[in-house]
Amino acid sequence: MNSEIHSMTYSPVSPDLDNANQWKESVGGDIDEDLELFERYIQQVVEKTDIGDVTRGDFVTSDTDSEEWLETVRMTDFDDSPDEFETASKALAEELNSQIHPRAKDGVLFIINATISGDILIGDGERQIVSVLKLDLVEEQRLKLADDRGIEELDLEDIFPEPKELQKGLIYPIVQSEGYRLPGDVKFYQSGSVSDYFHEFLQCDIEEGSLEQAKNVFEVVSELKKEHTGQSADGADTSRFRDLKDRTESGIVGIDEVTEVASDIVGREVSREELADRLGADNPDALAIDTENLPSTVKYEVDKQIRVRFPSTAEDMVEKEESDDGVTVTIRGTELDSEVLDS
């Protein structure tokens, strides 16, 4: 993937920092600095696949302040309108700083205007994007970025983490790639643990990755089937759920395709409104699942003591029966390996 940074601003962010004391610095125009490290950060976010560390945001209502700020940063030529670019960037930094969790690490927020291109992107041509990166830096490192020193005087490799150690980053708008085909407005990447404030400062609704969404949907479908038939979903239903692949050419399914499969599994019509209500989804149209990331393993847990785990392809070998008298799980096969485990 190729990327080119055109301009960026950076500001400190900290739970202890008042917005009135939040300085900013900008880099733009004829950039002399070697910003390859930041280009690699952007590449990290773009190339992240549809995994648990990645979420996506949708601006449900148009003309939110944060969406306007992002669009201003994305479309403004720094040479022509530096004040406009800096005002929008500063507004984003102040909004994040006002939302930051009291126990969040101090750091520096970088807001970057860039173009990206490459074979991994779906579609042709360059994409104009905004990337927002929060780098957790200790006080000594942050002081090196004080407003009396430019970034060009620093050895970036010395004070910033390696790209693979990036803590938090986002791109707007979402750029679909070989490993990330989901639609939406903002792609978030947060390494390790998810901080709500990094979502909330943009005022958009958040959707999890495909696997988490699919698991949530299947749990709801299993509950609905249990209410309707007395039996929760089983391995055969997992395979039926995976048949969502046959209902799309794009590889992405939404609420309508999911409700069709849900109706087949439950044994009665399940409406999109019912499914959305059970999921707690304010915007059911935002549901989007990449069928390459559907669950493929079934786990039964009996009385919180016995666990049976098997691939959905082995559904014919495991039979589950639920009744008022209890639960029976029958496993059939030709060979048995047994092992005594450590205490």
C-alpha atoms as a PDB file:
ATOM      1  CA  MET A   1       0.000   0.000   0.000  1.00  0.00           C
ATOM      2  CA  ASN A   2       1.197   3.511  -0.809  1.00  0.00           C
ATOM      3  CA  SER A   3       0.404   6.566   1.286  1.00  0.00           C
ATOM      4  CA  GLU A   4       1.307  10.229   1.171  1.00  0.00           C
ATOM      5  CA  ILE A   5       0.794  12.652   4.038  1.00  0.00           C
ATOM      6  CA  HIS A   6      -0.190  16.170   2.983  1.00  0.00           C
ATOM      7  CA  SER A   7      -0.681  17.839   6.363  1.00  0.00           C
ATOM      8  CA  MET A   8      -1.227  17.066  10.019  1.00  0.00           C
ATOM      9  CA  THR A   9      -1.651  18.612  13.440  1.00  0.00           C
ATOM     10  CA  TYR A  10      -0.677  17.209  16.798  1.00  0.00           C
ATOM     11  CA  SER A  11      -1.790  18.077  20.333  1.00  0.00           C
ATOM     12  CA  PRO A  12      -1.356  16.613  23.826  1.00  0.00           C
ATOM     13  CA  VAL A  13      -4.292  14.735  25.355  1.00  0.00           C
ATOM     14  CA  SER A  14      -4.570  13.875  29.026  1.00  0.00           C
ATOM     15  CA  PRO A  15      -7.254  13.455  31.715  1.00  0.00           C
ATOM     16  CA  ASP A  16      -5.481  16.210  33.659  1.00  0.00           C
ATOM     17  CA  LEU A  17      -5.254  18.658  30.765  1.00  0.00           C
ATOM     18  CA  ASP A  18      -7.689  21.547  30.404  1.00  0.00           C
ATOM     19  CA  ASN A  19      -8.617  22.314  26.806  1.00  0.00           C
ATOM     20  CA  ALA A  20      -7.535  25.904  27.343  1.00  0.00           C
ATOM     21  CA  ASN A  21      -3.976  24.652  27.840  1.00  0.00           C
ATOM     22  CA  GLN A  22      -3.989  22.255  24.891  1.00  0.00           C
ATOM     23  CA  TRP A  23      -1.353  23.498  22.471  1.00  0.00           C
ATOM     24  CA  LYS A  24      -1.186  22.360  18.860  1.00  0.00           C
ATOM     25  CA  GLU A  25       1.441  22.197  16.158  1.00  0.00           C
ATOM     26  CA  SER A  26       0.939  21.707  12.435  1.00  0.00           C
ATOM     27  CA  VAL A  27       2.917  20.272   9.566  1.00  0.00           C
ATOM     28  CA  GLY A  28       1.809  21.172   6.061  1.00  0.00           C
ATOM     29  CA  GLY A  29       2.670  22.761   2.779  1.00  0.00           C
ATOM     30  CA  ASP A  30       6.011  21.574   1.407  1.00  0.00           C
ATOM     31  CA  ILE A  31       6.725  18.868   3.953  1.00  0.00           C
ATOM     32  CA  ASP A  32      10.430  18.314   4.442  1.00  0.00           C
ATOM     33  CA  GLU A  33      10.139  15.932   7.370  1.00  0.00           C
ATOM     34  CA  ASP A  34      10.432  12.184   6.927  1.00  0.00           C
ATOM     35  CA  LEU A  35       6.971  11.036   7.982  1.00  0.00           C
ATOM     36  CA  GLU A  36       7.344   7.430   6.875  1.00  0.00           C
ATOM     37  CA  LEU A  37       6.627   6.242  10.414  1.00  0.00           C
ATOM     38  CA  PHE A  38       3.188   7.892  10.348  1.00  0.00           C
ATOM     39  CA  GLU A  39       2.511   6.463   6.899  1.00  0.00           C
ATOM     40  CA  ARG A  40       3.183   3.034   8.371  1.00  0.00           C
ATOM     41  CA  TYR A  41       0.761   3.774  11.215  1.00  0.00           C
ATOM     42  CA  ILE A  42      -1.930   4.597   8.657  1.00  0.00           C
ATOM     43  CA  GLN A  43      -1.120   1.412   6.782  1.00  0.00           C
ATOM     44  CA  GLN A  44      -1.581  -0.556  10.008  1.00  0.00           C
ATOM     45  CA  VAL A  45      -5.131   0.750  10.432  1.00  0.00           C
ATOM     46  CA  VAL A  46      -6.093   0.305   6.772  1.00  0.00           C
ATOM     47  CA  GLU A  47      -4.748  -3.236   6.573  1.00  0.00           C
ATOM     48  CA  LYS A  48      -6.233  -4.474   9.857  1.00  0.00           C
ATOM     49  CA  THR A  49      -8.629  -7.282   9.067  1.00  0.00           C
ATOM     50  CA  ASP A  50     -12.130  -7.915  10.385  1.00  0.00           C
ATOM     51  CA  ILE A  51     -11.010  -8.904  13.904  1.00  0.00           C
ATOM     52  CA  GLY A  52     -12.015  -8.175  17.487  1.00  0.00           C
ATOM     53  CA  ASP A  53      -9.681  -5.177  17.785  1.00  0.00           C
ATOM     54  CA  VAL A  54     -11.466  -3.459  14.892  1.00  0.00           C
ATOM     55  CA  THR A  55     -14.855  -1.753  15.123  1.00  0.00           C
ATOM     56  CA  ARG A  56     -16.684   0.555  12.744  1.00  0.00           C
ATOM     57  CA  GLY A  57     -18.716   3.678  13.281  1.00  0.00           C
ATOM     58  CA  ASP A  58     -21.690   5.084  11.410  1.00  0.00           C
ATOM     59  CA  PHE A  59     -22.925   8.659  11.534  1.00  0.00           C
ATOM     60  CA  VAL A  60     -26.630   7.916  11.933  1.00  0.00           C
ATOM     61  CA  THR A  61     -27.640  11.568  11.797  1.00  0.00           C
ATOM     62  CA  SER A  62     -26.024  13.831   9.240  1.00  0.00           C
ATOM     63  CA  ASP A  63     -24.196  17.054   9.992  1.00  0.00           C
ATOM     64  CA  THR A  64     -22.833  16.119  13.406  1.00  0.00           C
ATOM     65  CA  ASP A  65     -20.016  18.408  14.468  1.00  0.00           C
ATOM     66  CA  SER A  66     -17.451  15.615  14.451  1.00  0.00           C
ATOM     67  CA  GLU A  67     -18.368  14.479  10.942  1.00  0.00           C
ATOM     68  CA  GLU A  68     -18.083  18.049   9.688  1.00  0.00           C
ATOM     69  CA  TRP A  69     -14.680  18.442  11.354  1.00  0.00           C
ATOM     70  CA  LEU A  70     -13.425  15.212   9.800  1.00  0.00           C
ATOM     71  CA  GLU A  71     -14.696  16.204   6.378  1.00  0.00           C
ATOM     72  CA  THR A  72     -13.086  19.633   6.700  1.00  0.00           C
ATOM     73  CA  VAL A  73      -9.725  18.080   7.568  1.00  0.00           C
ATOM     74  CA  ARG A  74     -10.075  15.609   4.697  1.00  0.00           C
ATOM     75  CA  MET A  75     -10.989  18.115   1.997  1.00  0.00           C
ATOM     76  CA  THR A  76      -9.038  21.227   3.025  1.00  0.00           C
ATOM     77  CA  ASP A  77      -5.789  22.072   1.260  1.00  0.00           C
ATOM     78  CA  PHE A  78      -3.436  23.245   3.985  1.00  0.00           C
ATOM     79  CA  ASP A  79      -1.634  25.626   1.608  1.00  0.00           C
ATOM     80  CA  ASP A  80      -4.876  27.389   0.708  1.00  0.00           C
ATOM     81  CA  SER A  81      -6.641  27.380   4.086  1.00  0.00           C
ATOM     82  CA  PRO A  82      -4.305  26.549   6.983  1.00  0.00           C
ATOM     83  CA  ASP A  83      -6.564  28.241   9.547  1.00  0.00           C
ATOM     84  CA  GLU A  84      -9.588  26.198   8.478  1.00  0.00           C
ATOM     85  CA  PHE A  85      -7.584  22.967   8.646  1.00  0.00           C
ATOM     86  CA  GLU A  86      -6.150  23.785  12.070  1.00  0.00           C
ATOM     87  CA  THR A  87      -9.498  24.902  13.508  1.00  0.00           C
ATOM     88  CA  ALA A  88     -11.194  21.621  12.580  1.00  0.00           C
ATOM     89  CA  SER A  89      -8.232  19.573  13.825  1.00  0.00           C
ATOM     90  CA  LYS A  90      -8.126  21.466  17.113  1.00  0.00           C
ATOM     91  CA  ALA A  91     -11.864  20.921  17.580  1.00  0.00           C
ATOM     92  CA  LEU A  92     -11.411  17.154  17.186  1.00  0.00           C
ATOM     93  CA  ALA A  93      -8.512  17.129  19.655  1.00  0.00           C
ATOM     94  CA  GLU A  94     -10.470  19.158  22.217  1.00  0.00           C
ATOM     95  CA  GLU A  95     -13.500  16.902  21.840  1.00  0.00           C
ATOM     96  CA  LEU A  96     -11.417  13.787  22.487  1.00  0.00           C
ATOM     97  CA  ASN A  97      -9.651  15.439  25.405  1.00  0.00           C
ATOM     98  CA  SER A  98     -13.005  16.336  26.967  1.00  0.00           C
ATOM     99  CA  GLN A  99     -14.205  12.714  26.626  1.00  0.00           C
ATOM    100  CA  ILE A 100     -11.012  10.962  27.712  1.00  0.00           C
ATOM    101  CA  HIS A 101     -11.321   8.492  30.584  1.00  0.00           C
ATOM    102  CA  PRO A 102      -9.870   9.628  33.938  1.00  0.00           C
ATOM    103  CA  ARG A 103      -7.551   6.609  33.959  1.00  0.00           C
ATOM    104  CA  ALA A 104      -6.484   6.863  30.322  1.00  0.00           C
ATOM    105  CA  LYS A 105      -2.805   7.254  29.575  1.00  0.00           C
ATOM    106  CA  ASP A 106      -1.433  10.642  28.607  1.00  0.00           C
ATOM    107  CA  GLY A 107      -0.477  10.935  24.979  1.00  0.00           C
ATOM    108  CA  VAL A 108      -0.411  12.950  21.796  1.00  0.00           C
ATOM    109  CA  LEU A 109      -3.180  13.041  19.206  1.00  0.00           C
ATOM    110  CA  PHE A 110      -2.202  13.256  15.536  1.00  0.00           C
ATOM    111  CA  ILE A 111      -4.790  14.274  12.942  1.00  0.00           C
ATOM    112  CA  ILE A 112      -3.548  13.562   9.433  1.00  0.00           C
ATOM    113  CA  ASN A 113      -4.700  14.380   5.905  1.00  0.00           C
ATOM    114  CA  ALA A 114      -3.370  11.781   3.454  1.00  0.00           C
ATOM    115  CA  THR A 115      -3.988   9.902   0.227  1.00  0.00           C
ATOM    116  CA  ILE A 116      -3.614   6.135  -0.039  1.00  0.00           C
ATOM    117  CA  SER A 117      -3.579   3.671  -2.916  1.00  0.00           C
ATOM    118  CA  GLY A 118      -2.512   0.117  -3.629  1.00  0.00           C
ATOM    119  CA  ASP A 119      -3.504  -3.327  -4.807  1.00  0.00           C
ATOM    120  CA  ILE A 120      -4.991  -4.358  -1.456  1.00  0.00           C
ATOM    121  CA  LEU A 121      -7.710  -1.701  -1.738  1.00  0.00           C
ATOM    122  CA  ILE A 122     -11.026  -2.672  -3.284  1.00  0.00           C
ATOM    123  CA  GLY A 123     -11.655  -0.398  -6.265  1.00  0.00           C
ATOM    124  CA  ASP A 124      -9.409   1.795  -8.332  1.00  0.00           C
ATOM    125  CA  GLY A 125      -7.740   5.116  -7.696  1.00  0.00           C
ATOM    126  CA  GLU A 126      -6.384   7.069  -4.769  1.00  0.00           C
ATOM    127  CA  ARG A 127      -8.449   7.659  -1.624  1.00  0.00           C
ATOM    128  CA  GLN A 128      -8.387  10.902   0.299  1.00  0.00           C
ATOM    129  CA  ILE A 129      -8.628  10.076   3.994  1.00  0.00           C
ATOM    130  CA  VAL A 130      -8.247  11.421   7.507  1.00  0.00           C
ATOM    131  CA  SER A 131      -6.384   9.341  10.060  1.00  0.00           C
ATOM    132  CA  VAL A 132      -6.512  10.068  13.785  1.00  0.00           C
ATOM    133  CA  LEU A 133      -3.806   8.425  15.891  1.00  0.00           C
ATOM    134  CA  LYS A 134      -3.480   8.505  19.675  1.00  0.00           C
ATOM    135  CA  LEU A 135       0.045   7.627  20.737  1.00  0.00           C
ATOM    136  CA  ASP A 136       0.591   6.993  24.436  1.00  0.00           C
ATOM    137  CA  LEU A 137       3.777   8.842  25.320  1.00  0.00           C
ATOM    138  CA  VAL A 138       5.399   9.456  28.687  1.00  0.00           C
ATOM    139  CA  GLU A 139       5.900  13.013  29.937  1.00  0.00           C
ATOM    140  CA  GLU A 140       9.517  13.221  28.805  1.00  0.00           C
ATOM    141  CA  GLN A 141       8.547  12.241  25.274  1.00  0.00           C
ATOM    142  CA  ARG A 142       5.618  14.635  25.186  1.00  0.00           C
ATOM    143  CA  LEU A 143       7.788  17.536  26.280  1.00  0.00           C
ATOM    144  CA  LYS A 144       9.931  16.967  23.213  1.00  0.00           C
ATOM    145  CA  LEU A 145       6.853  17.855  21.181  1.00  0.00           C
ATOM    146  CA  ALA A 146       6.217  21.134  23.020  1.00  0.00           C
ATOM    147  CA  ASP A 147       5.176  24.060  20.874  1.00  0.00           C
ATOM    148  CA  ASP A 148       8.636  25.619  20.873  1.00  0.00           C
ATOM    149  CA  ARG A 149      10.057  22.701  18.887  1.00  0.00           C
ATOM    150  CA  GLY A 150       9.072  21.329  15.513  1.00  0.00           C
ATOM    151  CA  ILE A 151       8.742  17.662  14.772  1.00  0.00           C
ATOM    152  CA  GLU A 152      11.473  17.967  12.163  1.00  0.00           C
ATOM    153  CA  GLU A 153      14.045  18.281  14.951  1.00  0.00           C
ATOM    154  CA  LEU A 154      13.195  14.904  16.440  1.00  0.00           C
ATOM    155  CA  ASP A 155      14.247  11.357  15.737  1.00  0.00           C
ATOM    156  CA  LEU A 156      10.739   9.921  15.426  1.00  0.00           C
ATOM    157  CA  GLU A 157      11.892   6.342  15.893  1.00  0.00           C
ATOM    158  CA  ASP A 158      13.225   7.272  19.342  1.00  0.00           C
ATOM    159  CA  ILE A 159      10.022   8.595  20.872  1.00  0.00           C
ATOM    160  CA  PHE A 160       7.190   6.865  19.017  1.00  0.00           C
ATOM    161  CA  PRO A 161       6.173   3.189  19.183  1.00  0.00           C
ATOM    162  CA  GLU A 162       6.703   0.750  16.350  1.00  0.00           C
ATOM    163  CA  PRO A 163       3.716   0.587  13.960  1.00  0.00           C
ATOM    164  CA  LYS A 164       2.830  -2.902  15.194  1.00  0.00           C
ATOM    165  CA  GLU A 165       2.568  -1.402  18.702  1.00  0.00           C
ATOM    166  CA  LEU A 166       0.082   1.305  17.681  1.00  0.00           C
ATOM    167  CA  GLN A 167      -2.451   1.697  20.495  1.00  0.00           C
ATOM    168  CA  LYS A 168      -5.353   3.576  18.913  1.00  0.00           C
ATOM    169  CA  GLY A 169      -6.067   4.742  15.390  1.00  0.00           C
ATOM    170  CA  LEU A 170      -8.916   5.402  12.992  1.00  0.00           C
ATOM    171  CA  ILE A 171      -9.502   6.286   9.378  1.00  0.00           C
ATOM    172  CA  TYR A 172     -12.334   8.238   7.795  1.00  0.00           C
ATOM    173  CA  PRO A 173     -13.979   7.295   5.548  1.00  0.00           C
ATOM    174  CA  ILE A 174     -13.684   3.511   5.697  1.00  0.00           C
ATOM    175  CA  VAL A 175     -11.474   2.166   2.937  1.00  0.00           C
ATOM    176  CA  GLN A 176     -12.461  -1.353   1.954  1.00  0.00           C
ATOM    177  CA  SER A 177      -9.552  -3.727   1.430  1.00  0.00           C
ATOM    178  CA  GLU A 178      -8.922  -7.402   0.829  1.00  0.00           C
ATOM    179  CA  GLY A 179      -9.081  -8.114   4.553  1.00  0.00           C
ATOM    180  CA  TYR A 180     -11.816  -5.639   5.478  1.00  0.00           C
ATOM    181  CA  ARG A 181     -14.917  -5.476   3.288  1.00  0.00           C
ATOM    182  CA  LEU A 182     -17.451  -3.999   5.703  1.00  0.00           C
ATOM    183  CA  PRO A 183     -19.224  -0.727   4.875  1.00  0.00           C
ATOM    184  CA  GLY A 184     -19.450   2.257   7.192  1.00  0.00           C
ATOM    185  CA  ASP A 185     -18.072   5.706   7.926  1.00  0.00           C
ATOM    186  CA  VAL A 186     -15.197   5.238  10.391  1.00  0.00           C
ATOM    187  CA  LYS A 187     -12.858   2.303  10.977  1.00  0.00           C
ATOM    188  CA  PHE A 188     -11.453   2.132  14.510  1.00  0.00           C
ATOM    189  CA  TYR A 189      -8.489   0.065  15.637  1.00  0.00           C
ATOM    190  CA  GLN A 190      -7.693  -0.304  19.331  1.00  0.00           C
ATOM    191  CA  SER A 191      -4.987  -2.713  20.396  1.00  0.00           C
ATOM    192  CA  GLY A 192      -5.732  -4.930  23.370  1.00  0.00           C
ATOM    193  CA  SER A 193      -8.593  -3.173  25.143  1.00  0.00           C
ATOM    194  CA  VAL A 194     -11.368  -0.968  23.805  1.00  0.00           C
ATOM    195  CA  SER A 195     -11.770   2.517  25.292  1.00  0.00           C
ATOM    196  CA  ASP A 196     -15.272   3.910  24.906  1.00  0.00           C
ATOM    197  CA  TYR A 197     -14.055   7.509  24.774  1.00  0.00           C
ATOM    198  CA  PHE A 198     -12.181   6.823  21.530  1.00  0.00           C
ATOM    199  CA  HIS A 199     -15.548   5.979  19.974  1.00  0.00           C
ATOM    200  CA  GLU A 200     -17.686   8.545  21.749  1.00  0.00           C
ATOM    201  CA  PHE A 201     -15.747  11.639  20.757  1.00  0.00           C
ATOM    202  CA  LEU A 202     -16.884  11.156  17.146  1.00  0.00           C
ATOM    203  CA  GLN A 203     -20.594  10.899  18.063  1.00  0.00           C
ATOM    204  CA  CYS A 204     -21.265   7.851  15.894  1.00  0.00           C
ATOM    205  CA  ASP A 205     -22.898   4.470  16.473  1.00  0.00           C
ATOM    206  CA  ILE A 206     -20.447   1.602  16.864  1.00  0.00           C
ATOM    207  CA  GLU A 207     -20.691  -1.882  15.372  1.00  0.00           C
ATOM    208  CA  GLU A 208     -18.388  -4.750  16.287  1.00  0.00           C
ATOM    209  CA  GLY A 209     -16.507  -6.983  13.873  1.00  0.00           C
ATOM    210  CA  SER A 210     -18.307  -9.630  11.837  1.00  0.00           C
ATOM    211  CA  LEU A 211     -17.569 -12.581  14.113  1.00  0.00           C
ATOM    212  CA  GLU A 212     -18.813 -10.790  17.242  1.00  0.00           C
ATOM    213  CA  GLN A 213     -21.924  -9.565  15.428  1.00  0.00           C
ATOM    214  CA  ALA A 214     -22.608 -13.051  14.070  1.00  0.00           C
ATOM    215  CA  LYS A 215     -22.188 -14.634  17.519  1.00  0.00           C
ATOM    216  CA  ASN A 216     -24.556 -12.068  19.045  1.00  0.00           C
ATOM    217  CA  VAL A 217     -27.133 -12.703  16.325  1.00  0.00           C
ATOM    218  CA  PHE A 218     -26.878 -16.471  16.705  1.00  0.00           C
ATOM    219  CA  GLU A 219     -27.332 -16.252  20.489  1.00  0.00           C
ATOM    220  CA  VAL A 220     -30.516 -14.244  19.964  1.00  0.00           C
ATOM    221  CA  VAL A 221     -31.737 -16.717  17.344  1.00  0.00           C
ATOM    222  CA  SER A 222     -31.041 -19.582  19.751  1.00  0.00           C
ATOM    223  CA  GLU A 223     -33.081 -17.828  22.457  1.00  0.00           C
ATOM    224  CA  LEU A 224     -35.972 -17.297  20.045  1.00  0.00           C
ATOM    225  CA  LYS A 225     -35.894 -20.947  18.983  1.00  0.00           C
ATOM    226  CA  LYS A 226     -35.873 -22.059  22.630  1.00  0.00           C
ATOM    227  CA  GLU A 227     -38.941 -19.923  23.324  1.00  0.00           C
ATOM    228  CA  HIS A 228     -40.749 -21.259  20.252  1.00  0.00           C
ATOM    229  CA  THR A 229     -39.792 -24.957  20.280  1.00  0.00           C
ATOM    230  CA  GLY A 230     -38.280 -25.674  23.686  1.00  0.00           C
ATOM    231  CA  GLN A 231     -34.963 -26.488  21.996  1.00  0.00           C
ATOM    232  CA  SER A 232     -32.030 -24.107  21.702  1.00  0.00           C
ATOM    233  CA  ALA A 233     -30.017 -23.925  18.497  1.00  0.00           C
ATOM    234  CA  ASP A 234     -27.725 -26.866  17.731  1.00  0.00           C
ATOM    235  CA  GLY A 235     -24.923 -27.806  15.357  1.00  0.00           C
ATOM    236  CA  ALA A 236     -27.283 -28.177  12.424  1.00  0.00           C
ATOM    237  CA  ASP A 237     -28.528 -24.652  13.030  1.00  0.00           C
ATOM    238  CA  THR A 238     -24.956 -23.386  13.035  1.00  0.00           C
ATOM    239  CA  SER A 239     -24.487 -24.937   9.597  1.00  0.00           C
ATOM    240  CA  ARG A 240     -27.771 -23.404   8.482  1.00  0.00           C
ATOM    241  CA  PHE A 241     -26.562 -20.039   9.755  1.00  0.00           C
ATOM    242  CA  ARG A 242     -23.376 -20.441   7.735  1.00  0.00           C
ATOM    243  CA  ASP A 243     -25.568 -20.793   4.644  1.00  0.00           C
ATOM    244  CA  LEU A 244     -25.710 -16.996   4.734  1.00  0.00           C
ATOM    245  CA  LYS A 245     -22.774 -17.286   2.324  1.00  0.00           C
ATOM    246  CA  ASP A 246     -25.202 -18.449  -0.351  1.00  0.00           C
ATOM    247  CA  ARG A 247     -27.414 -15.388   0.032  1.00  0.00           C
ATOM    248  CA  THR A 248     -24.936 -12.758  -1.124  1.00  0.00           C
ATOM    249  CA  GLU A 249     -22.643 -12.109  -4.050  1.00  0.00           C
ATOM    250  CA  SER A 250     -20.717  -9.350  -2.302  1.00  0.00           C
ATOM    251  CA  GLY A 251     -19.843 -11.499   0.707  1.00  0.00           C
ATOM    252  CA  ILE A 252     -21.592  -9.055   3.057  1.00  0.00           C
ATOM    253  CA  VAL A 253     -25.043  -9.725   4.524  1.00  0.00           C
ATOM    254  CA  GLY A 254     -27.331  -7.319   6.330  1.00  0.00           C
ATOM    255  CA  ILE A 255     -30.420  -7.403   8.502  1.00  0.00           C
ATOM    256  CA  ASP A 256     -32.754  -8.718   5.771  1.00  0.00           C
ATOM    257  CA  GLU A 257     -30.652 -11.785   4.921  1.00  0.00           C
ATOM    258  CA  VAL A 258     -30.070 -12.483   8.609  1.00  0.00           C
ATOM    259  CA  THR A 259     -33.794 -12.386   9.446  1.00  0.00           C
ATOM    260  CA  GLU A 260     -34.502 -14.849   6.623  1.00  0.00           C
ATOM    261  CA  VAL A 261     -32.059 -17.367   8.074  1.00  0.00           C
ATOM    262  CA  ALA A 262     -33.305 -16.632  11.607  1.00  0.00           C
ATOM    263  CA  SER A 263     -36.851 -17.468  10.511  1.00  0.00           C
ATOM    264  CA  ASP A 264     -35.660 -20.786   9.045  1.00  0.00           C
ATOM    265  CA  ILE A 265     -33.892 -21.740  12.276  1.00  0.00           C
ATOM    266  CA  VAL A 266     -36.595 -20.602  14.719  1.00  0.00           C
ATOM    267  CA  GLY A 267     -39.434 -22.196  12.754  1.00  0.00           C
ATOM    268  CA  ARG A 268     -41.564 -19.073  12.520  1.00  0.00           C
ATOM    269  CA  GLU A 269     -41.245 -15.672  10.929  1.00  0.00           C
ATOM    270  CA  VAL A 270     -38.755 -13.427  12.691  1.00  0.00           C
ATOM    271  CA  SER A 271     -39.087  -9.771  11.741  1.00  0.00           C
ATOM    272  CA  ARG A 272     -36.192  -7.381  11.397  1.00  0.00           C
ATOM    273  CA  GLU A 273     -37.763  -5.252  14.145  1.00  0.00           C
ATOM    274  CA  GLU A 274     -37.899  -8.207  16.558  1.00  0.00           C
ATOM    275  CA  LEU A 275     -34.321  -9.189  15.826  1.00  0.00           C
ATOM    276  CA  ALA A 276     -33.084  -5.611  16.139  1.00  0.00           C
ATOM    277  CA  ASP A 277     -34.943  -5.186  19.440  1.00  0.00           C
ATOM    278  CA  ARG A 278     -33.407  -8.376  20.870  1.00  0.00           C
ATOM    279  CA  LEU A 279     -29.971  -7.213  19.747  1.00  0.00           C
ATOM    280  CA  GLY A 280     -30.505  -3.767  21.250  1.00  0.00           C
ATOM    281  CA  ALA A 281     -29.707  -2.241  17.865  1.00  0.00           C
ATOM    282  CA  ASP A 282     -30.925   1.329  17.409  1.00  0.00           C
ATOM    283  CA  ASN A 283     -30.100   1.207  13.713  1.00  0.00           C
ATOM    284  CA  PRO A 284     -30.746  -2.305  12.332  1.00  0.00           C
ATOM    285  CA  ASP A 285     -29.633  -1.236   8.860  1.00  0.00           C
ATOM    286  CA  ALA A 286     -26.109  -0.831  10.252  1.00  0.00           C
ATOM    287  CA  LEU A 287     -25.846  -4.595  10.809  1.00  0.00           C
ATOM    288  CA  ALA A 288     -23.285  -5.970   8.357  1.00  0.00           C
ATOM    289  CA  ILE A 289     -21.525  -9.324   8.540  1.00  0.00           C
ATOM    290  CA  ASP A 290     -18.719 -10.553   6.316  1.00  0.00           C
ATOM    291  CA  THR A 291     -19.628 -14.179   5.575  1.00  0.00           C
ATOM    292  CA  GLU A 292     -15.942 -15.124   5.599  1.00  0.00           C
ATOM    293  CA  ASN A 293     -16.041 -14.597   9.367  1.00  0.00           C
ATOM    294  CA  LEU A 294     -19.046 -16.627  10.480  1.00  0.00           C
ATOM    295  CA  PRO A 295     -18.800 -18.847  13.585  1.00  0.00           C
ATOM    296  CA  SER A 296     -17.930 -22.460  12.819  1.00  0.00           C
ATOM    297  CA  THR A 297     -17.640 -24.058  16.278  1.00  0.00           C
ATOM    298  CA  VAL A 298     -20.431 -25.134  18.636  1.00  0.00           C
ATOM    299  CA  LYS A 299     -20.106 -25.412  22.414  1.00  0.00           C
ATOM    300  CA  TYR A 300     -22.615 -26.941  24.812  1.00  0.00           C
ATOM    301  CA  GLU A 301     -22.207 -26.449  28.552  1.00  0.00           C
ATOM    302  CA  VAL A 302     -24.195 -28.719  30.866  1.00  0.00           C
ATOM    303  CA  ASP A 303     -24.790 -27.600  34.464  1.00  0.00           C
ATOM    304  CA  LYS A 304     -21.722 -25.349  34.217  1.00  0.00           C
ATOM    305  CA  GLN A 305     -19.524 -28.444  34.617  1.00  0.00           C
ATOM    306  CA  ILE A 306     -19.425 -30.397  31.370  1.00  0.00           C
ATOM    307  CA  ARG A 307     -18.437 -28.745  28.109  1.00  0.00           C
ATOM    308  CA  VAL A 308     -18.877 -30.284  24.680  1.00  0.00           C
ATOM    309  CA  ARG A 309     -17.138 -28.433  21.864  1.00  0.00           C
ATOM    310  CA  PHE A 310     -17.166 -29.485  18.207  1.00  0.00           C
ATOM    311  CA  PRO A 311     -16.981 -28.047  14.677  1.00  0.00           C
ATOM    312  CA  SER A 312     -20.318 -27.477  12.974  1.00  0.00           C
ATOM    313  CA  THR A 313     -19.208 -29.930  10.276  1.00  0.00           C
ATOM    314  CA  ALA A 314     -19.562 -32.693  12.910  1.00  0.00           C
ATOM    315  CA  GLU A 315     -23.195 -31.819  13.616  1.00  0.00           C
ATOM    316  CA  ASP A 316     -24.422 -35.340  12.725  1.00  0.00           C
ATOM    317  CA  MET A 317     -22.236 -36.855  15.455  1.00  0.00           C
ATOM    318  CA  VAL A 318     -23.648 -34.793  18.328  1.00  0.00           C
ATOM    319  CA  GLU A 319     -27.310 -34.840  19.311  1.00  0.00           C
ATOM    320  CA  LYS A 320     -28.857 -32.583  21.948  1.00  0.00           C
ATOM    321  CA  GLU A 321     -32.266 -33.039  23.529  1.00  0.00           C
ATOM    322  CA  GLU A 322     -33.793 -30.609  26.025  1.00  0.00           C
ATOM    323  CA  SER A 323     -36.875 -31.398  28.100  1.00  0.00           C
ATOM    324  CA  ASP A 324     -38.471 -30.550  31.421  1.00  0.00           C
ATOM    325  CA  ASP A 325     -36.538 -33.463  32.945  1.00  0.00           C
ATOM    326  CA  GLY A 326     -33.135 -32.165  31.870  1.00  0.00           C
ATOM    327  CA  VAL A 327     -30.673 -32.136  29.001  1.00  0.00           C
ATOM    328  CA  THR A 328     -29.231 -35.106  27.126  1.00  0.00           C
ATOM    329  CA  VAL A 329     -26.218 -34.785  24.842  1.00  0.00           C
ATOM    330  CA  THR A 330     -25.361 -37.857  22.786  1.00  0.00           C
ATOM    331  CA  ILE A 331     -22.046 -38.176  20.943  1.00  0.00           C
ATOM    332  CA  ARG A 332     -21.588 -40.899  18.316  1.00  0.00           C
ATOM    333  CA  GLY A 333     -18.332 -41.890  16.654  1.00  0.00           C
ATOM    334  CA  THR A 334     -15.995 -44.763  15.827  1.00  0.00           C
ATOM    335  CA  GLU A 335     -12.941 -43.955  17.969  1.00  0.00           C
ATOM    336  CA  LEU A 336     -12.422 -42.551  21.440  1.00  0.00           C
ATOM    337  CA  ASP A 337      -9.246 -41.097  22.894  1.00  0.00           C
ATOM    338  CA  SER A 338      -9.316 -40.458  26.633  1.00  0.00           C
ATOM    339  CA  GLU A 339      -6.908 -38.469  28.753  1.00  0.00           C
ATOM    340  CA  VAL A 340      -6.614 -37.621  32.440  1.00  0.00           C
ATOM    341  CA  LEU A 341      -5.834 -33.937  32.784  1.00  0.00           C
ATOM    342  CA  ASP A 342      -3.864 -32.130  35.457  1.00  0.00           C
ATOM    343  CA  SER A 343      -5.681 -30.822  38.516  1.00  0.00           C
END
